[in-house]
């Protein structure tokens, strides 16, 4: 088996037929399999998967276990020498699978590979990123990064996206992994419910000596945020996602940068929110929400306690 593709479905019934049509058209010449996990979708996703793709193994979760854990479930059924994580809102080109597998075959130290990502409108998306740090996060949040040109921002895109290049991490919507990497460092840390799974995994792979590579010679159309749209109230859903992102960042910094790194993230995040509040107050930007920075600060400190200082997930 050349390639096992793992697809986690969550309330994206309207995308399943398109993503599978693109995937199957791109599978010509390769021995492939597709494994689905449905994360307690409330729409008709399970019915579509059972009816239209009955030849693909399907794991149906009674509750949403999160992105990383669901992919770990699917991995247990995978037999390919490469494993591809593909989102339901990511659509491959006819040559995407063949080209990326061929590149991995020709470069045995390439452990993880990502591709060029763009929206349906043709706009390029961040697809070869730098590792987050408490400092670059603070600079990004406050807008002070314009004064620190030598600090790499996570989503720095000021480079030509037309050549293969090594990078820190690639996005999980098209995430091609060599089986030997998984054997050595595993797939995703199950403590992450959402966000930072691929950041943490790439960090571990690079630490183990593997290359993480951006491959620009094929493009995947990535919509982004399709599952999040199903959560109804935008404000409430946005705050829930912010809480998940905050929790995952605390877990990531504590795991990979120790207690000091996690505390630095917490303190710089608090300072950034204070500066945001002061700037909005001085400029009279009431419409932007003066209470939001303080709500985020309170959220961070509550999660710091609930995660037992960045060591345990809350769900």
Protein backbone atom coordinates (compact mmCIF):
# COMPACT_ATOMS: atom_id res chain seq x y z
CA UNK A 1 0.00 0.00 0.00
CA UNK A 2 1.52 3.32 -1.09
CA UNK A 3 -0.71 5.76 0.70
CA UNK A 4 -3.29 5.76 3.48
CA UNK A 5 -5.42 8.91 3.54
CA UNK A 6 -7.08 9.78 6.84
CA UNK A 7 -10.10 12.09 6.69
CA UNK A 8 -11.85 13.43 9.78
CA UNK A 9 -15.42 14.54 9.12
CA UNK A 10 -17.34 17.01 11.27
CA UNK A 11 -20.52 18.60 9.89
CA UNK A 12 -19.19 18.92 6.33
CA UNK A 13 -21.69 16.77 4.45
CA UNK A 14 -21.71 19.30 1.59
CA UNK A 15 -17.99 18.77 0.93
CA UNK A 16 -17.58 14.99 1.14
CA UNK A 17 -18.42 14.11 -2.45
CA UNK A 18 -16.15 16.82 -3.85
CA UNK A 19 -13.15 15.96 -1.70
CA UNK A 20 -13.48 12.27 -2.57
CA UNK A 21 -13.93 12.90 -6.28
CA UNK A 22 -10.73 14.95 -6.34
CA UNK A 23 -8.89 12.39 -4.22
CA UNK A 24 -9.87 9.40 -6.34
CA UNK A 25 -8.94 11.20 -9.55
CA UNK A 26 -5.51 11.86 -8.04
CA UNK A 27 -5.00 8.23 -6.93
CA UNK A 28 -4.41 6.79 -10.40
CA UNK A 29 -1.12 4.89 -10.48
CA UNK A 30 -0.90 4.48 -6.71
CA UNK A 31 -2.16 1.80 -4.35
CA UNK A 32 -4.25 3.78 -1.89
CA UNK A 33 -6.84 3.50 0.82
CA UNK A 34 -9.08 6.06 2.52
CA UNK A 35 -10.12 5.84 6.17
CA UNK A 36 -12.84 8.09 7.58
CA UNK A 37 -13.57 9.15 11.13
CA UNK A 38 -16.79 11.02 11.81
CA UNK A 39 -16.57 13.17 14.92
CA UNK A 40 -20.25 13.10 15.98
CA UNK A 41 -21.53 15.15 13.04
CA UNK A 42 -25.05 16.52 13.42
CA UNK A 43 -25.71 16.80 9.68
CA UNK A 44 -26.01 13.96 7.17
CA UNK A 45 -22.27 13.22 6.97
CA UNK A 46 -22.52 9.67 8.32
CA UNK A 47 -25.30 8.75 5.89
CA UNK A 48 -23.27 10.06 2.94
CA UNK A 49 -20.17 8.16 4.05
CA UNK A 50 -22.06 4.92 4.60
CA UNK A 51 -24.00 5.14 1.34
CA UNK A 52 -21.54 6.68 -1.14
CA UNK A 53 -18.22 5.46 0.24
CA UNK A 54 -19.08 2.09 1.71
CA UNK A 55 -15.75 0.69 0.49
CA UNK A 56 -13.86 2.95 2.92
CA UNK A 57 -13.48 2.02 6.59
CA UNK A 58 -15.50 4.37 8.80
CA UNK A 59 -15.15 5.04 12.52
CA UNK A 60 -18.21 6.77 14.00
CA UNK A 61 -17.53 8.62 17.23
CA UNK A 62 -20.53 9.24 19.51
CA UNK A 63 -18.85 12.45 20.70
CA UNK A 64 -16.39 14.86 19.12
CA UNK A 65 -12.97 13.66 20.31
CA UNK A 66 -11.01 16.40 18.51
CA UNK A 67 -8.88 16.50 15.38
CA UNK A 68 -5.72 14.86 16.67
CA UNK A 69 -7.37 12.01 18.54
CA UNK A 70 -9.61 11.20 15.57
CA UNK A 71 -6.60 10.96 13.26
CA UNK A 72 -4.91 8.70 15.79
CA UNK A 73 -7.97 6.44 15.67
CA UNK A 74 -7.80 6.23 11.87
CA UNK A 75 -4.05 5.58 11.96
CA UNK A 76 -4.68 2.27 13.73
CA UNK A 77 -6.36 1.02 10.52
CA UNK A 78 -3.80 2.41 8.07
CA UNK A 79 -1.37 0.18 6.21
CA UNK A 80 0.30 2.58 3.77
CA UNK A 81 4.00 3.36 3.75
CA UNK A 82 2.93 7.01 3.73
CA UNK A 83 0.05 8.53 5.69
CA UNK A 84 -1.81 11.57 4.39
CA UNK A 85 -3.99 13.69 6.63
CA UNK A 86 -6.53 15.46 4.44
CA UNK A 87 -9.27 17.85 5.52
CA UNK A 88 -12.74 17.61 4.05
CA UNK A 89 -12.33 21.20 2.78
CA UNK A 90 -9.02 20.55 0.98
CA UNK A 91 -9.19 19.62 -2.71
CA UNK A 92 -6.18 18.10 -4.47
CA UNK A 93 -5.09 18.44 -8.10
CA UNK A 94 -4.96 15.35 -10.36
CA UNK A 95 -1.18 15.04 -9.91
CA UNK A 96 -0.91 16.02 -6.23
CA UNK A 97 -0.63 12.54 -4.73
CA UNK A 98 1.74 11.15 -7.36
CA UNK A 99 4.07 14.16 -7.20
CA UNK A 100 4.28 14.38 -3.44
CA UNK A 101 4.77 10.65 -2.96
CA UNK A 102 7.46 10.68 -5.67
CA UNK A 103 9.24 13.52 -3.89
CA UNK A 104 9.18 11.61 -0.61
CA UNK A 105 10.49 8.49 -2.36
CA UNK A 106 13.39 10.49 -3.80
CA UNK A 107 14.25 12.24 -0.52
CA UNK A 108 14.42 9.69 2.29
CA UNK A 109 15.16 12.30 4.99
CA UNK A 110 11.94 14.16 4.23
CA UNK A 111 9.68 13.06 7.04
CA UNK A 112 6.75 15.44 6.63
CA UNK A 113 5.61 17.32 3.54
CA UNK A 114 3.11 20.11 2.90
CA UNK A 115 2.07 21.81 -0.32
CA UNK A 116 1.04 25.16 -1.72
CA UNK A 117 -2.38 26.18 -0.34
CA UNK A 118 -4.77 28.69 -1.77
CA UNK A 119 -8.45 29.58 -1.54
CA UNK A 120 -10.99 29.23 -4.29
CA UNK A 121 -10.32 32.89 -5.04
CA UNK A 122 -6.70 32.06 -5.84
CA UNK A 123 -5.32 33.85 -2.80
CA UNK A 124 -2.20 32.21 -1.38
CA UNK A 125 -2.52 30.97 2.20
CA UNK A 126 0.24 30.54 4.80
CA UNK A 127 1.54 27.04 4.17
CA UNK A 128 5.18 26.85 5.36
CA UNK A 129 5.38 28.31 8.81
CA UNK A 130 7.86 29.15 11.55
CA UNK A 131 7.51 27.78 15.07
CA UNK A 132 5.54 29.97 17.48
CA UNK A 133 7.34 31.45 20.46
CA UNK A 134 6.02 33.59 23.32
CA UNK A 135 7.98 36.53 21.88
CA UNK A 136 6.83 36.38 18.27
CA UNK A 137 3.28 35.78 19.49
CA UNK A 138 3.47 38.93 21.62
CA UNK A 139 4.85 40.98 18.73
CA UNK A 140 2.14 39.73 16.38
CA UNK A 141 -0.68 40.40 18.81
CA UNK A 142 0.47 43.94 19.59
CA UNK A 143 1.56 44.90 16.07
CA UNK A 144 5.07 45.62 17.32
CA UNK A 145 6.54 43.13 14.85
CA UNK A 146 7.02 46.00 12.40
CA UNK A 147 9.76 47.29 14.71
CA UNK A 148 11.47 43.88 15.04
CA UNK A 149 12.23 42.91 11.47
CA UNK A 150 14.74 40.26 12.52
CA UNK A 151 12.14 38.19 14.42
CA UNK A 152 10.45 35.49 12.34
CA UNK A 153 6.68 35.65 12.54
CA UNK A 154 4.76 32.37 12.39
CA UNK A 155 2.96 33.28 9.15
CA UNK A 156 5.75 35.23 7.43
CA UNK A 157 5.00 35.00 3.71
CA UNK A 158 7.61 37.45 2.41
CA UNK A 159 9.36 34.89 0.25
CA UNK A 160 8.82 33.30 -3.14
CA UNK A 161 6.58 30.25 -2.94
CA UNK A 162 7.99 28.68 -6.10
CA UNK A 163 10.79 26.48 -4.77
CA UNK A 164 11.08 23.50 -2.46
CA UNK A 165 12.30 24.62 0.93
CA UNK A 166 12.75 23.30 4.45
CA UNK A 167 10.48 24.88 7.04
CA UNK A 168 9.47 24.48 10.67
CA UNK A 169 5.95 23.12 10.20
CA UNK A 170 3.24 22.66 7.61
CA UNK A 171 -0.52 22.89 7.86
CA UNK A 172 -2.57 19.81 8.72
CA UNK A 173 -5.12 20.14 5.90
CA UNK A 174 -2.65 18.33 3.56
CA UNK A 175 -0.09 16.66 5.78
CA UNK A 176 1.97 13.83 4.26
CA UNK A 177 3.96 11.76 6.76
CA UNK A 178 6.48 8.99 6.29
CA UNK A 179 5.61 5.81 8.17
CA UNK A 180 9.08 5.73 9.78
CA UNK A 181 8.42 9.12 11.38
CA UNK A 182 5.26 7.79 12.98
CA UNK A 183 7.11 4.71 14.18
CA UNK A 184 9.71 6.93 15.82
CA UNK A 185 7.71 9.85 17.30
CA UNK A 186 4.08 8.75 16.89
CA UNK A 187 1.40 10.87 15.29
CA UNK A 188 -0.50 13.43 17.38
CA UNK A 189 -0.28 14.04 21.13
CA UNK A 190 -3.85 13.28 22.27
CA UNK A 191 -3.79 16.14 24.76
CA UNK A 192 -4.47 18.61 21.94
CA UNK A 193 -8.18 18.74 21.17
CA UNK A 194 -7.75 21.29 18.39
CA UNK A 195 -4.83 23.50 17.25
CA UNK A 196 -1.07 22.94 17.65
CA UNK A 197 -1.21 19.21 16.83
CA UNK A 198 0.87 19.55 13.66
CA UNK A 199 3.13 22.19 15.23
CA UNK A 200 3.98 19.82 18.06
CA UNK A 201 4.37 16.87 15.70
CA UNK A 202 6.74 18.74 13.37
CA UNK A 203 8.72 19.93 16.39
CA UNK A 204 9.16 16.32 17.51
CA UNK A 205 10.04 15.12 14.00
CA UNK A 206 12.67 17.81 13.48
CA UNK A 207 14.10 17.12 16.93
CA UNK A 208 14.44 13.47 15.86
CA UNK A 209 16.40 14.53 12.76
CA UNK A 210 13.71 14.50 10.06
CA UNK A 211 13.18 17.24 7.49
CA UNK A 212 9.89 19.11 7.19
CA UNK A 213 9.46 20.31 3.61
CA UNK A 214 7.28 22.73 1.70
CA UNK A 215 6.62 21.41 -1.83
CA UNK A 216 5.26 24.15 -4.14
CA UNK A 217 4.78 22.25 -7.39
CA UNK A 218 1.18 21.30 -6.70
CA UNK A 219 -1.66 23.31 -5.21
CA UNK A 220 -4.43 22.27 -2.85
CA UNK A 221 -7.54 24.43 -2.70
CA UNK A 222 -8.29 24.95 0.98
CA UNK A 223 -11.50 26.59 2.15
CA UNK A 224 -10.76 26.68 5.87
CA UNK A 225 -13.13 26.94 8.83
CA UNK A 226 -15.94 24.85 7.33
CA UNK A 227 -16.50 22.76 10.45
CA UNK A 228 -16.39 25.85 12.67
CA UNK A 229 -19.25 27.40 10.68
CA UNK A 230 -21.55 24.66 11.94
CA UNK A 231 -21.24 25.84 15.54
CA UNK A 232 -24.04 28.38 15.16
CA UNK A 233 -23.57 31.62 17.10
CA UNK A 234 -20.46 33.25 15.68
CA UNK A 235 -19.52 35.12 18.86
CA UNK A 236 -19.94 32.11 21.12
CA UNK A 237 -18.26 29.79 18.60
CA UNK A 238 -15.39 32.23 18.21
CA UNK A 239 -14.80 32.35 21.95
CA UNK A 240 -14.89 28.55 22.15
CA UNK A 241 -12.27 28.30 19.41
CA UNK A 242 -10.17 30.97 21.13
CA UNK A 243 -10.32 28.96 24.36
CA UNK A 244 -9.21 25.80 22.54
CA UNK A 245 -6.35 27.67 20.89
CA UNK A 246 -5.27 29.19 24.19
CA UNK A 247 -5.36 25.82 25.95
CA UNK A 248 -3.35 24.14 23.19
CA UNK A 249 -0.74 26.89 23.24
CA UNK A 250 -0.24 26.42 26.99
CA UNK A 251 0.11 22.66 26.53
CA UNK A 252 2.57 23.19 23.66
CA UNK A 253 4.84 25.66 25.46
CA UNK A 254 4.88 23.63 28.67
CA UNK A 255 5.72 20.42 26.78
CA UNK A 256 8.37 21.83 24.46
CA UNK A 257 9.76 24.84 26.35
CA UNK A 258 9.22 23.89 29.96
CA UNK A 259 7.57 25.76 32.81
CA UNK A 260 9.53 28.91 32.00
CA UNK A 261 8.34 28.97 28.40
CA UNK A 262 4.71 28.44 29.40
CA UNK A 263 4.89 31.21 32.01
CA UNK A 264 6.54 33.54 29.52
CA UNK A 265 3.70 32.90 27.09
CA UNK A 266 1.14 33.60 29.80
CA UNK A 267 2.75 36.81 31.01
CA UNK A 268 3.44 38.20 27.54
CA UNK A 269 -0.11 37.35 26.51
CA UNK A 270 -1.41 39.28 29.53
CA UNK A 271 0.79 42.25 28.66
CA UNK A 272 -0.35 42.16 25.04
CA UNK A 273 -4.00 42.26 26.13
CA UNK A 274 -3.26 45.19 28.46
CA UNK A 275 -1.60 47.11 25.61
CA UNK A 276 -4.52 46.33 23.30
CA UNK A 277 -6.96 47.65 25.90
CA UNK A 278 -4.93 50.83 26.43
CA UNK A 279 -4.60 51.47 22.70
CA UNK A 280 -8.35 51.08 22.10
CA UNK A 281 -9.14 53.28 25.07
CA UNK A 282 -6.79 56.07 24.01
CA UNK A 283 -8.07 56.03 20.43
CA UNK A 284 -11.72 55.83 21.46
CA UNK A 285 -12.30 52.55 19.63
CA UNK A 286 -15.28 51.50 21.72
CA UNK A 287 -16.80 49.51 18.88
CA UNK A 288 -13.84 47.12 18.90
CA UNK A 289 -14.82 45.95 22.36
CA UNK A 290 -12.90 47.19 25.38
CA UNK A 291 -13.88 44.16 27.42
CA UNK A 292 -12.52 41.56 25.00
CA UNK A 293 -8.82 41.87 26.00
CA UNK A 294 -9.73 41.38 29.65
CA UNK A 295 -11.99 38.43 28.87
CA UNK A 296 -9.10 36.83 27.02
CA UNK A 297 -6.73 37.51 29.92
CA UNK A 298 -9.14 35.94 32.39
CA UNK A 299 -9.58 33.00 30.03
CA UNK A 300 -5.81 32.44 29.85
CA UNK A 301 -5.33 32.41 33.62
CA UNK A 302 -8.34 30.16 34.19
CA UNK A 303 -7.01 27.69 31.65
CA UNK A 304 -3.57 27.88 33.26
CA UNK A 305 -5.18 26.58 36.46
CA UNK A 306 -7.54 24.12 34.76
CA UNK A 307 -4.71 22.56 32.71
CA UNK A 308 -2.65 22.22 35.89
CA UNK A 309 -0.05 24.67 34.68
CA UNK A 310 -0.07 23.51 31.11
CA UNK A 311 0.28 19.77 31.70
CA UNK A 312 -3.24 18.29 31.27
CA UNK A 313 -6.09 18.94 28.81
CA UNK A 314 -9.53 20.06 29.97
CA UNK A 315 -11.37 17.72 27.59
